[in-house]
PDB file of N, CA and C in Angstrom:
ATOM      1  N   MET A   1     226.687 -22.439 146.032  1.00  0.00           N
ATOM      2  CA  MET A   1     225.445 -21.675 146.054  1.00  0.00           C
ATOM      3  C   MET A   1     224.887 -21.579 144.637  1.00  0.00           C
ATOM      4  N   PRO A   2     223.577 -21.663 144.517  1.00  0.00           N
ATOM      5  CA  PRO A   2     222.969 -21.573 143.189  1.00  0.00           C
ATOM      6  C   PRO A   2     222.980 -20.146 142.637  1.00  0.00           C
ATOM      7  N   THR A   3     222.925 -20.082 141.330  1.00  0.00           N
ATOM      8  CA  THR A   3     222.881 -18.796 140.630  1.00  0.00           C
ATOM      9  C   THR A   3     221.447 -18.511 140.215  1.00  0.00           C
ATOM     10  N   TYR A   4     220.974 -17.317 140.522  1.00  0.00           N
ATOM     11  CA  TYR A   4     219.616 -16.915 140.176  1.00  0.00           C
ATOM     12  C   TYR A   4     219.663 -15.754 139.195  1.00  0.00           C
ATOM     13  N   ASP A   5     218.665 -15.708 138.297  1.00  0.00           N
ATOM     14  CA  ASP A   5     218.538 -14.621 137.328  1.00  0.00           C
ATOM     15  C   ASP A   5     217.557 -13.588 137.869  1.00  0.00           C
ATOM     16  N   PHE A   6     217.915 -12.331 137.698  1.00  0.00           N
ATOM     17  CA  PHE A   6     217.067 -11.216 138.120  1.00  0.00           C
ATOM     18  C   PHE A   6     216.920 -10.230 136.979  1.00  0.00           C
ATOM     19  N   ARG A   7     215.836  -9.438 137.037  1.00  0.00           N
ATOM     20  CA  ARG A   7     215.590  -8.382 136.051  1.00  0.00           C
ATOM     21  C   ARG A   7     215.133  -7.133 136.794  1.00  0.00           C
ATOM     22  N   CYS A   8     215.640  -6.039 136.350  1.00  0.00           N
ATOM     23  CA  CYS A   8     215.234  -4.755 136.927  1.00  0.00           C
ATOM     24  C   CYS A   8     214.028  -4.232 136.144  1.00  0.00           C
ATOM     25  N   PRO A   9     212.890  -3.952 136.811  1.00  0.00           N
ATOM     26  CA  PRO A   9     211.719  -3.446 136.089  1.00  0.00           C
ATOM     27  C   PRO A   9     211.889  -2.009 135.593  1.00  0.00           C
ATOM     28  N   LYS A  10     212.818  -1.280 136.192  1.00  0.00           N
ATOM     29  CA  LYS A  10     213.023   0.111 135.819  1.00  0.00           C
ATOM     30  C   LYS A  10     213.832   0.241 134.520  1.00  0.00           C
ATOM     31  N   CYS A  11     214.983  -0.456 134.465  1.00  0.00           N
ATOM     32  CA  CYS A  11     215.850  -0.324 133.292  1.00  0.00           C
ATOM     33  C   CYS A  11     215.906  -1.586 132.424  1.00  0.00           C
ATOM     34  N   SER A  12     215.179  -2.641 132.810  1.00  0.00           N
ATOM     35  CA  SER A  12     215.113  -3.921 132.088  1.00  0.00           C
ATOM     36  C   SER A  12     216.460  -4.636 131.968  1.00  0.00           C
ATOM     37  N   HIS A  13     217.366  -4.358 132.900  1.00  0.00           N
ATOM     38  CA  HIS A  13     218.677  -5.003 132.910  1.00  0.00           C
ATOM     39  C   HIS A  13     218.547  -6.412 133.496  1.00  0.00           C
ATOM     40  N   HIS A  14     219.129  -7.407 132.811  1.00  0.00           N
ATOM     41  CA  HIS A  14     219.130  -8.789 133.296  1.00  0.00           C
ATOM     42  C   HIS A  14     220.498  -9.076 133.900  1.00  0.00           C
ATOM     43  N   PHE A  15     220.510  -9.701 135.089  1.00  0.00           N
ATOM     44  CA  PHE A  15     221.778 -10.026 135.737  1.00  0.00           C
ATOM     45  C   PHE A  15     221.622 -11.272 136.586  1.00  0.00           C
ATOM     46  N   GLU A  16     222.770 -11.885 136.950  1.00  0.00           N
ATOM     47  CA  GLU A  16     222.791 -13.099 137.758  1.00  0.00           C
ATOM     48  C   GLU A  16     223.457 -12.820 139.093  1.00  0.00           C
ATOM     49  N   VAL A  17     222.939 -13.513 140.144  1.00  0.00           N
ATOM     50  CA  VAL A  17     223.483 -13.346 141.485  1.00  0.00           C
ATOM     51  C   VAL A  17     223.531 -14.725 142.157  1.00  0.00           C
ATOM     52  N   ASN A  18     224.618 -15.008 142.885  1.00  0.00           N
ATOM     53  CA  ASN A  18     224.717 -16.233 143.675  1.00  0.00           C
ATOM     54  C   ASN A  18     224.128 -15.971 145.062  1.00  0.00           C
ATOM     55  N   LEU A  19     223.077 -16.740 145.390  1.00  0.00           N
ATOM     56  CA  LEU A  19     222.408 -16.597 146.685  1.00  0.00           C
ATOM     57  C   LEU A  19     222.236 -17.981 147.307  1.00  0.00           C
ATOM     58  N   PRO A  20     222.193 -18.071 148.640  1.00  0.00           N
ATOM     59  CA  PRO A  20     221.946 -19.376 149.272  1.00  0.00           C
ATOM     60  C   PRO A  20     220.510 -19.844 149.017  1.00  0.00           C
ATOM     61  N   PHE A  21     220.306 -21.167 149.148  1.00  0.00           N
ATOM     62  CA  PHE A  21     218.967 -21.731 148.968  1.00  0.00           C
ATOM     63  C   PHE A  21     217.987 -21.105 149.955  1.00  0.00           C
ATOM     64  N   GLY A  22     216.778 -20.814 149.453  1.00  0.00           N
ATOM     65  CA  GLY A  22     215.721 -20.296 150.316  1.00  0.00           C
ATOM     66  C   GLY A  22     215.858 -18.830 150.683  1.00  0.00           C
ATOM     67  N   SER A  23     216.803 -18.123 150.096  1.00  0.00           N
ATOM     68  CA  SER A  23     216.993 -16.706 150.413  1.00  0.00           C
ATOM     69  C   SER A  23     215.846 -15.881 149.833  1.00  0.00           C
ATOM     70  N   LYS A  24     215.289 -15.005 150.638  1.00  0.00           N
ATOM     71  CA  LYS A  24     214.206 -14.118 150.195  1.00  0.00           C
ATOM     72  C   LYS A  24     214.747 -12.767 149.718  1.00  0.00           C
ATOM     73  N   GLU A  25     216.041 -12.579 149.848  1.00  0.00           N
ATOM     74  CA  GLU A  25     216.682 -11.307 149.503  1.00  0.00           C
ATOM     75  C   GLU A  25     216.713 -11.108 147.986  1.00  0.00           C
ATOM     76  N   HIS A  26     216.377  -9.896 147.556  1.00  0.00           N
ATOM     77  CA  HIS A  26     216.497  -9.508 146.161  1.00  0.00           C
ATOM     78  C   HIS A  26     217.571  -8.418 146.096  1.00  0.00           C
ATOM     79  N   PRO A  27     218.587  -8.622 145.270  1.00  0.00           N
ATOM     80  CA  PRO A  27     219.679  -7.653 145.220  1.00  0.00           C
ATOM     81  C   PRO A  27     219.303  -6.376 144.470  1.00  0.00           C
ATOM     82  N   LEU A  28     220.100  -5.361 144.660  1.00  0.00           N
ATOM     83  CA  LEU A  28     219.938  -4.103 143.922  1.00  0.00           C
ATOM     84  C   LEU A  28     220.372  -4.301 142.481  1.00  0.00           C
ATOM     85  N   CYS A  29     219.804  -3.545 141.583  1.00  0.00           N
ATOM     86  CA  CYS A  29     220.211  -3.588 140.186  1.00  0.00           C
ATOM     87  C   CYS A  29     221.622  -3.001 140.075  1.00  0.00           C
ATOM     88  N   PRO A  30     222.568  -3.726 139.477  1.00  0.00           N
ATOM     89  CA  PRO A  30     223.932  -3.201 139.379  1.00  0.00           C
ATOM     90  C   PRO A  30     224.050  -2.018 138.416  1.00  0.00           C
ATOM     91  N   LYS A  31     223.096  -1.844 137.532  1.00  0.00           N
ATOM     92  CA  LYS A  31     223.158  -0.764 136.548  1.00  0.00           C
ATOM     93  C   LYS A  31     222.567   0.544 137.072  1.00  0.00           C
ATOM     94  N   CYS A  32     221.319   0.487 137.614  1.00  0.00           N
ATOM     95  CA  CYS A  32     220.647   1.716 138.044  1.00  0.00           C
ATOM     96  C   CYS A  32     220.420   1.779 139.554  1.00  0.00           C
ATOM     97  N   LYS A  33     220.807   0.743 140.292  1.00  0.00           N
ATOM     98  CA  LYS A  33     220.675   0.666 141.760  1.00  0.00           C
ATOM     99  C   LYS A  33     219.221   0.681 142.233  1.00  0.00           C
ATOM    100  N   HIS A  34     218.303   0.264 141.399  1.00  0.00           N
ATOM    101  CA  HIS A  34     216.896   0.168 141.778  1.00  0.00           C
ATOM    102  C   HIS A  34     216.743  -0.950 142.805  1.00  0.00           C
ATOM    103  N   ARG A  35     215.885  -0.740 143.805  1.00  0.00           N
ATOM    104  CA  ARG A  35     215.770  -1.678 144.925  1.00  0.00           C
ATOM    105  C   ARG A  35     214.881  -2.881 144.639  1.00  0.00           C
ATOM    106  N   LYS A  36     213.848  -2.716 143.861  1.00  0.00           N
ATOM    107  CA  LYS A  36     212.893  -3.798 143.636  1.00  0.00           C
ATOM    108  C   LYS A  36     213.203  -4.512 142.319  1.00  0.00           C
ATOM    109  N   THR A  37     213.943  -5.616 142.426  1.00  0.00           N
ATOM    110  CA  THR A  37     214.245  -6.430 141.255  1.00  0.00           C
ATOM    111  C   THR A  37     213.336  -7.652 141.252  1.00  0.00           C
ATOM    112  N   GLU A  38     213.157  -8.246 140.078  1.00  0.00           N
ATOM    113  CA  GLU A  38     212.286  -9.403 139.935  1.00  0.00           C
ATOM    114  C   GLU A  38     213.130 -10.658 139.713  1.00  0.00           C
ATOM    115  N   LYS A  39     212.804 -11.703 140.459  1.00  0.00           N
ATOM    116  CA  LYS A  39     213.488 -12.976 140.294  1.00  0.00           C
ATOM    117  C   LYS A  39     212.849 -13.702 139.110  1.00  0.00           C
ATOM    118  N   LEU A  40     213.670 -14.154 138.160  1.00  0.00           N
ATOM    119  CA  LEU A  40     213.186 -14.835 136.974  1.00  0.00           C
ATOM    120  C   LEU A  40     213.260 -16.346 137.157  1.00  0.00           C
ATOM    121  N   ILE A  41     212.375 -17.026 136.503  1.00  0.00           N
ATOM    122  CA  ILE A  41     212.389 -18.484 136.527  1.00  0.00           C
ATOM    123  C   ILE A  41     213.276 -18.948 135.385  1.00  0.00           C
ATOM    124  N   ALA A  42     214.298 -19.720 135.723  1.00  0.00           N
ATOM    125  CA  ALA A  42     215.251 -20.207 134.729  1.00  0.00           C
ATOM    126  C   ALA A  42     215.093 -21.708 134.538  1.00  0.00           C
ATOM    127  N   PRO A  43     215.445 -22.223 133.370  1.00  0.00           N
ATOM    128  CA  PRO A  43     215.385 -23.679 133.172  1.00  0.00           C
ATOM    129  C   PRO A  43     216.432 -24.372 134.035  1.00  0.00           C
ATOM    130  N   PRO A  44     216.223 -25.628 134.357  1.00  0.00           N
ATOM    131  CA  PRO A  44     217.197 -26.331 135.205  1.00  0.00           C
ATOM    132  C   PRO A  44     218.547 -26.461 134.514  1.00  0.00           C
ATOM    133  N   ALA A  45     219.592 -26.513 135.300  1.00  0.00           N
ATOM    134  CA  ALA A  45     220.942 -26.590 134.761  1.00  0.00           C
ATOM    135  C   ALA A  45     221.353 -28.015 134.429  1.00  0.00           C
ATOM    136  N   ILE A  46     220.564 -29.003 134.829  1.00  0.00           N
ATOM    137  CA  ILE A  46     220.898 -30.397 134.575  1.00  0.00           C
ATOM    138  C   ILE A  46     219.894 -30.978 133.593  1.00  0.00           C
ATOM    139  N   HIS A  47     220.409 -31.711 132.609  1.00  0.00           N
ATOM    140  CA  HIS A  47     219.561 -32.329 131.595  1.00  0.00           C
ATOM    141  C   HIS A  47     219.871 -33.814 131.551  1.00  0.00           C
ATOM    142  N   PHE A  48     218.846 -34.657 131.632  1.00  0.00           N
ATOM    143  CA  PHE A  48     219.031 -36.098 131.549  1.00  0.00           C
ATOM    144  C   PHE A  48     218.811 -36.515 130.107  1.00  0.00           C
ATOM    145  N   LYS A  49     219.904 -36.838 129.399  1.00  0.00           N
ATOM    146  CA  LYS A  49     219.822 -37.275 128.011  1.00  0.00           C
ATOM    147  C   LYS A  49     220.380 -38.681 127.904  1.00  0.00           C
ATOM    148  N   GLY A  50     219.885 -39.418 126.949  1.00  0.00           N
ATOM    149  CA  GLY A  50     220.386 -40.769 126.735  1.00  0.00           C
ATOM    150  C   GLY A  50     219.535 -41.801 127.446  1.00  0.00           C
ATOM    151  N   THR A  51     220.096 -43.002 127.600  1.00  0.00           N
ATOM    152  CA  THR A  51     219.348 -44.089 128.212  1.00  0.00           C
ATOM    153  C   THR A  51     219.839 -44.332 129.629  1.00  0.00           C
ATOM    154  N   GLY A  52     219.018 -45.020 130.404  1.00  0.00           N
ATOM    155  CA  GLY A  52     219.397 -45.403 131.746  1.00  0.00           C
ATOM    156  C   GLY A  52     218.817 -44.538 132.842  1.00  0.00           C
ATOM    157  N   PHE A  53     218.031 -43.533 132.503  1.00  0.00           N
ATOM    158  CA  PHE A  53     217.485 -42.628 133.511  1.00  0.00           C
ATOM    159  C   PHE A  53     216.040 -42.946 133.873  1.00  0.00           C
ATOM    160  N   PHE A  54     215.391 -43.798 133.099  1.00  0.00           N
ATOM    161  CA  PHE A  54     213.990 -44.067 133.323  1.00  0.00           C
ATOM    162  C   PHE A  54     213.772 -45.538 133.637  1.00  0.00           C
ATOM    163  N   LYS A  55     212.697 -45.870 134.301  1.00  0.00           N
ATOM    164  CA  LYS A  55     212.387 -47.238 134.696  1.00  0.00           C
ATOM    165  C   LYS A  55     212.262 -48.147 133.472  1.00  0.00           C
ATOM    166  N   THR A  56     211.722 -47.636 132.390  1.00  0.00           N
ATOM    167  CA  THR A  56     211.522 -48.448 131.196  1.00  0.00           C
ATOM    168  C   THR A  56     212.828 -48.750 130.466  1.00  0.00           C
ATOM    169  N   ASP A  57     213.893 -48.065 130.764  1.00  0.00           N
ATOM    170  CA  ASP A  57     215.176 -48.319 130.104  1.00  0.00           C
ATOM    171  C   ASP A  57     215.803 -49.626 130.557  1.00  0.00           C
ATOM    172  N   SER A  58     215.452 -50.122 131.728  1.00  0.00           N
ATOM    173  CA  SER A  58     216.078 -51.322 132.256  1.00  0.00           C
ATOM    174  C   SER A  58     215.328 -52.601 131.900  1.00  0.00           C
ATOM    175  N   ARG A  59     214.226 -52.503 131.213  1.00  0.00           N
ATOM    176  CA  ARG A  59     213.461 -53.688 130.827  1.00  0.00           C
ATOM    177  C   ARG A  59     214.188 -54.434 129.713  1.00  0.00           C
ATOM    178  N   LYS A  60     214.002 -55.765 129.701  1.00  0.00           N
ATOM    179  CA  LYS A  60     214.603 -56.579 128.653  1.00  0.00           C
ATOM    180  C   LYS A  60     213.850 -56.359 127.353  1.00  0.00           C
ATOM    181  N   LYS A  61     214.604 -56.287 126.272  1.00  0.00           N
ATOM    182  CA  LYS A  61     213.997 -56.110 124.963  1.00  0.00           C
ATOM    183  C   LYS A  61     213.664 -57.485 124.400  1.00  0.00           C
ATOM    184  N   PRO A  62     212.558 -57.616 123.660  1.00  0.00           N
ATOM    185  CA  PRO A  62     212.201 -58.913 123.095  1.00  0.00           C
ATOM    186  C   PRO A  62     213.229 -59.348 122.054  1.00  0.00           C
ATOM    187  N   ALA A  63     213.417 -60.670 121.943  1.00  0.00           N
ATOM    188  CA  ALA A  63     214.380 -61.207 120.983  1.00  0.00           C
ATOM    189  C   ALA A  63     213.873 -60.943 119.568  1.00  0.00           C
ATOM    190  N   PRO A  64     214.767 -60.598 118.654  1.00  0.00           N
ATOM    191  CA  PRO A  64     214.325 -60.335 117.273  1.00  0.00           C
ATOM    192  C   PRO A  64     213.888 -61.639 116.607  1.00  0.00           C
ATOM    193  N   GLU A  65     212.903 -61.542 115.715  1.00  0.00           N
ATOM    194  CA  GLU A  65     212.401 -62.710 115.017  1.00  0.00           C
ATOM    195  C   GLU A  65     213.379 -63.128 113.930  1.00  0.00           C
ATOM    196  N   THR A  66     213.494 -64.434 113.690  1.00  0.00           N
ATOM    197  CA  THR A  66     214.352 -64.921 112.624  1.00  0.00           C
ATOM    198  C   THR A  66     213.549 -65.002 111.335  1.00  0.00           C
ATOM    199  N   LYS A  67     214.234 -65.221 110.221  1.00  0.00           N
ATOM    200  CA  LYS A  67     213.552 -65.286 108.929  1.00  0.00           C
ATOM    201  C   LYS A  67     212.601 -66.470 108.866  1.00  0.00           C
ATOM    202  N   GLN A  68     212.976 -67.599 109.476  1.00  0.00           N
ATOM    203  CA  GLN A  68     212.129 -68.786 109.448  1.00  0.00           C
ATOM    204  C   GLN A  68     210.826 -68.540 110.190  1.00  0.00           C
ATOM    205  N   GLU A  69     210.892 -67.849 111.314  1.00  0.00           N
ATOM    206  CA  GLU A  69     209.681 -67.580 112.093  1.00  0.00           C
ATOM    207  C   GLU A  69     208.744 -66.652 111.347  1.00  0.00           C
ATOM    208  N   LYS A  70     209.295 -65.717 110.587  1.00  0.00           N
ATOM    209  CA  LYS A  70     208.460 -64.767 109.855  1.00  0.00           C
ATOM    210  C   LYS A  70     207.756 -65.422 108.676  1.00  0.00           C
ATOM    211  N   SER A  71     208.440 -66.353 107.966  1.00  0.00           N
ATOM    212  CA  SER A  71     207.873 -66.932 106.757  1.00  0.00           C
ATOM    213  C   SER A  71     206.997 -68.143 107.031  1.00  0.00           C
ATOM    214  N   ALA A  72     207.172 -68.819 108.151  1.00  0.00           N
ATOM    215  CA  ALA A  72     206.392 -70.017 108.458  1.00  0.00           C
ATOM    216  C   ALA A  72     204.967 -69.633 108.818  1.00  0.00           C
ATOM    217  N   PRO A  73     203.988 -70.366 108.241  1.00  0.00           N
ATOM    218  CA  PRO A  73     202.590 -70.061 108.606  1.00  0.00           C
ATOM    219  C   PRO A  73     202.324 -70.498 110.033  1.00  0.00           C
ATOM    220  N   GLU A  74     201.460 -69.778 110.659  1.00  0.00           N
ATOM    221  CA  GLU A  74     201.142 -70.082 112.045  1.00  0.00           C
ATOM    222  C   GLU A  74     200.124 -71.215 112.102  1.00  0.00           C
ATOM    223  N   THR A  75     200.380 -72.187 112.948  1.00  0.00           N
ATOM    224  CA  THR A  75     199.425 -73.271 113.150  1.00  0.00           C
ATOM    225  C   THR A  75     198.903 -73.157 114.566  1.00  0.00           C
ATOM    226  N   LYS A  76     197.615 -73.394 114.680  1.00  0.00           N
ATOM    227  CA  LYS A  76     197.009 -73.293 116.003  1.00  0.00           C
ATOM    228  C   LYS A  76     197.084 -74.638 116.684  1.00  0.00           C
ATOM    229  N   LYS A  77     197.549 -74.634 117.894  1.00  0.00           N
ATOM    230  CA  LYS A  77     197.591 -75.842 118.690  1.00  0.00           C
ATOM    231  C   LYS A  77     196.391 -75.801 119.623  1.00  0.00           C
ATOM    232  N   THR A  78     195.646 -76.905 119.618  1.00  0.00           N
ATOM    233  CA  THR A  78     194.479 -76.954 120.490  1.00  0.00           C
ATOM    234  C   THR A  78     194.763 -77.892 121.648  1.00  0.00           C
ATOM    235  N   ASP A  79     194.258 -77.547 122.758  1.00  0.00           N
ATOM    236  CA  ASP A  79     194.395 -78.364 123.956  1.00  0.00           C
ATOM    237  C   ASP A  79     193.116 -79.167 124.110  1.00  0.00           C
ATOM    238  N   SER A  80     193.245 -80.500 124.155  1.00  0.00           N
ATOM    239  CA  SER A  80     192.050 -81.347 124.217  1.00  0.00           C
ATOM    240  C   SER A  80     191.260 -81.132 125.502  1.00  0.00           C
ATOM    241  N   SER A  81     191.908 -80.692 126.547  1.00  0.00           N
ATOM    242  CA  SER A  81     191.199 -80.498 127.814  1.00  0.00           C
ATOM    243  C   SER A  81     190.263 -79.299 127.774  1.00  0.00           C
ATOM    244  N   THR A  82     190.538 -78.355 126.905  1.00  0.00           N
ATOM    245  CA  THR A  82     189.674 -77.173 126.848  1.00  0.00           C
ATOM    246  C   THR A  82     188.409 -77.445 126.057  1.00  0.00           C
ATOM    247  N   HIS A  83     188.457 -78.462 125.140  1.00  0.00           N
ATOM    248  CA  HIS A  83     187.300 -78.730 124.305  1.00  0.00           C
ATOM    249  C   HIS A  83     186.515 -79.955 124.771  1.00  0.00           C
ATOM    250  N   ALA A  84     186.961 -80.609 125.789  1.00  0.00           N
ATOM    251  CA  ALA A  84     186.266 -81.792 126.287  1.00  0.00           C
ATOM    252  C   ALA A  84     184.990 -81.372 127.000  1.00  0.00           C
ATOM    253  N   PRO A  85     183.916 -82.147 126.845  1.00  0.00           N
ATOM    254  CA  PRO A  85     182.668 -81.779 127.539  1.00  0.00           C
ATOM    255  C   PRO A  85     182.828 -81.934 129.049  1.00  0.00           C
ATOM    256  N   ALA A  86     182.133 -81.131 129.765  1.00  0.00           N
ATOM    257  CA  ALA A  86     182.224 -81.162 131.220  1.00  0.00           C
ATOM    258  C   ALA A  86     181.528 -82.408 131.742  1.00  0.00           C
ATOM    259  N   LYS A  87     182.133 -83.038 132.725  1.00  0.00           N
ATOM    260  CA  LYS A  87     181.548 -84.249 133.309  1.00  0.00           C
ATOM    261  C   LYS A  87     180.544 -83.853 134.378  1.00  0.00           C
ATOM    262  N   GLU A  88     179.446 -84.563 134.381  1.00  0.00           N
ATOM    263  CA  GLU A  88     178.437 -84.276 135.392  1.00  0.00           C
ATOM    264  C   GLU A  88     178.757 -85.072 136.648  1.00  0.00           C
ATOM    265  N   GLU A  89     178.532 -84.475 137.755  1.00  0.00           N
ATOM    266  CA  GLU A  89     178.782 -85.170 139.011  1.00  0.00           C
ATOM    267  C   GLU A  89     177.618 -86.103 139.311  1.00  0.00           C
ATOM    268  N   LYS A  90     177.948 -87.347 139.673  1.00  0.00           N
ATOM    269  CA  LYS A  90     176.909 -88.314 140.012  1.00  0.00           C
ATOM    270  C   LYS A  90     176.727 -88.315 141.518  1.00  0.00           C
ATOM    271  N   LYS A  91     175.492 -88.174 141.943  1.00  0.00           N
ATOM    272  CA  LYS A  91     175.178 -88.157 143.368  1.00  0.00           C
ATOM    273  C   LYS A  91     174.785 -89.575 143.797  1.00  0.00           C
ATOM    274  N   PRO A  92     175.237 -89.989 144.968  1.00  0.00           N
ATOM    275  CA  PRO A  92     174.801 -91.318 145.428  1.00  0.00           C
ATOM    276  C   PRO A  92     173.311 -91.291 145.725  1.00  0.00           C
ATOM    277  N   PRO A  93     172.653 -92.455 145.627  1.00  0.00           N
ATOM    278  CA  PRO A  93     171.206 -92.482 145.878  1.00  0.00           C
ATOM    279  C   PRO A  93     170.914 -92.083 147.330  1.00  0.00           C
ATOM    280  N   ALA A  94     169.839 -91.405 147.518  1.00  0.00           N
ATOM    281  CA  ALA A  94     169.464 -90.903 148.830  1.00  0.00           C
ATOM    282  C   ALA A  94     168.989 -92.066 149.700  1.00  0.00           C
ATOM    283  N   LYS A  95     169.380 -92.092 150.947  1.00  0.00           N
ATOM    284  CA  LYS A  95     168.955 -93.127 151.892  1.00  0.00           C
ATOM    285  C   LYS A  95     167.662 -92.672 152.575  1.00  0.00           C
ATOM    286  N   ASN A  96     166.692 -93.584 152.687  1.00  0.00           N
ATOM    287  CA  ASN A  96     165.404 -93.235 153.311  1.00  0.00           C
ATOM    288  C   ASN A  96     165.324 -93.640 154.722  1.00  0.00           C
TER     289      ASN A  96
END
C-alpha cells in the first residue's frame, strides 16, 4: 500500500499514513485528534537517473572524426547529370 502525507490544519502536524489506492478516507490527526486533515502532494518515490530510460538514449552515436578528416580541405564533387542541359522531346511530324 502506498504511503500518503497528511497535515492537520488545526495543529499543523505532518504525518504519514498507509492507505489503499483510491481511498477517499482521511485519517484523524494523531496529535490532536482533529477530524479534517489535508492530504499533501508528495514528489514521486521513483527517480529515473542515468541512461537507457528515454527513446533518444538508444540511438547510434555518430563516429568521431579522425585527424586526417579534420585537416583535409573539403572538395566538392559535382555530378555531371545534375548540370547537363535538359533534352527537348522531339515530336513526330503530324499526319494529315
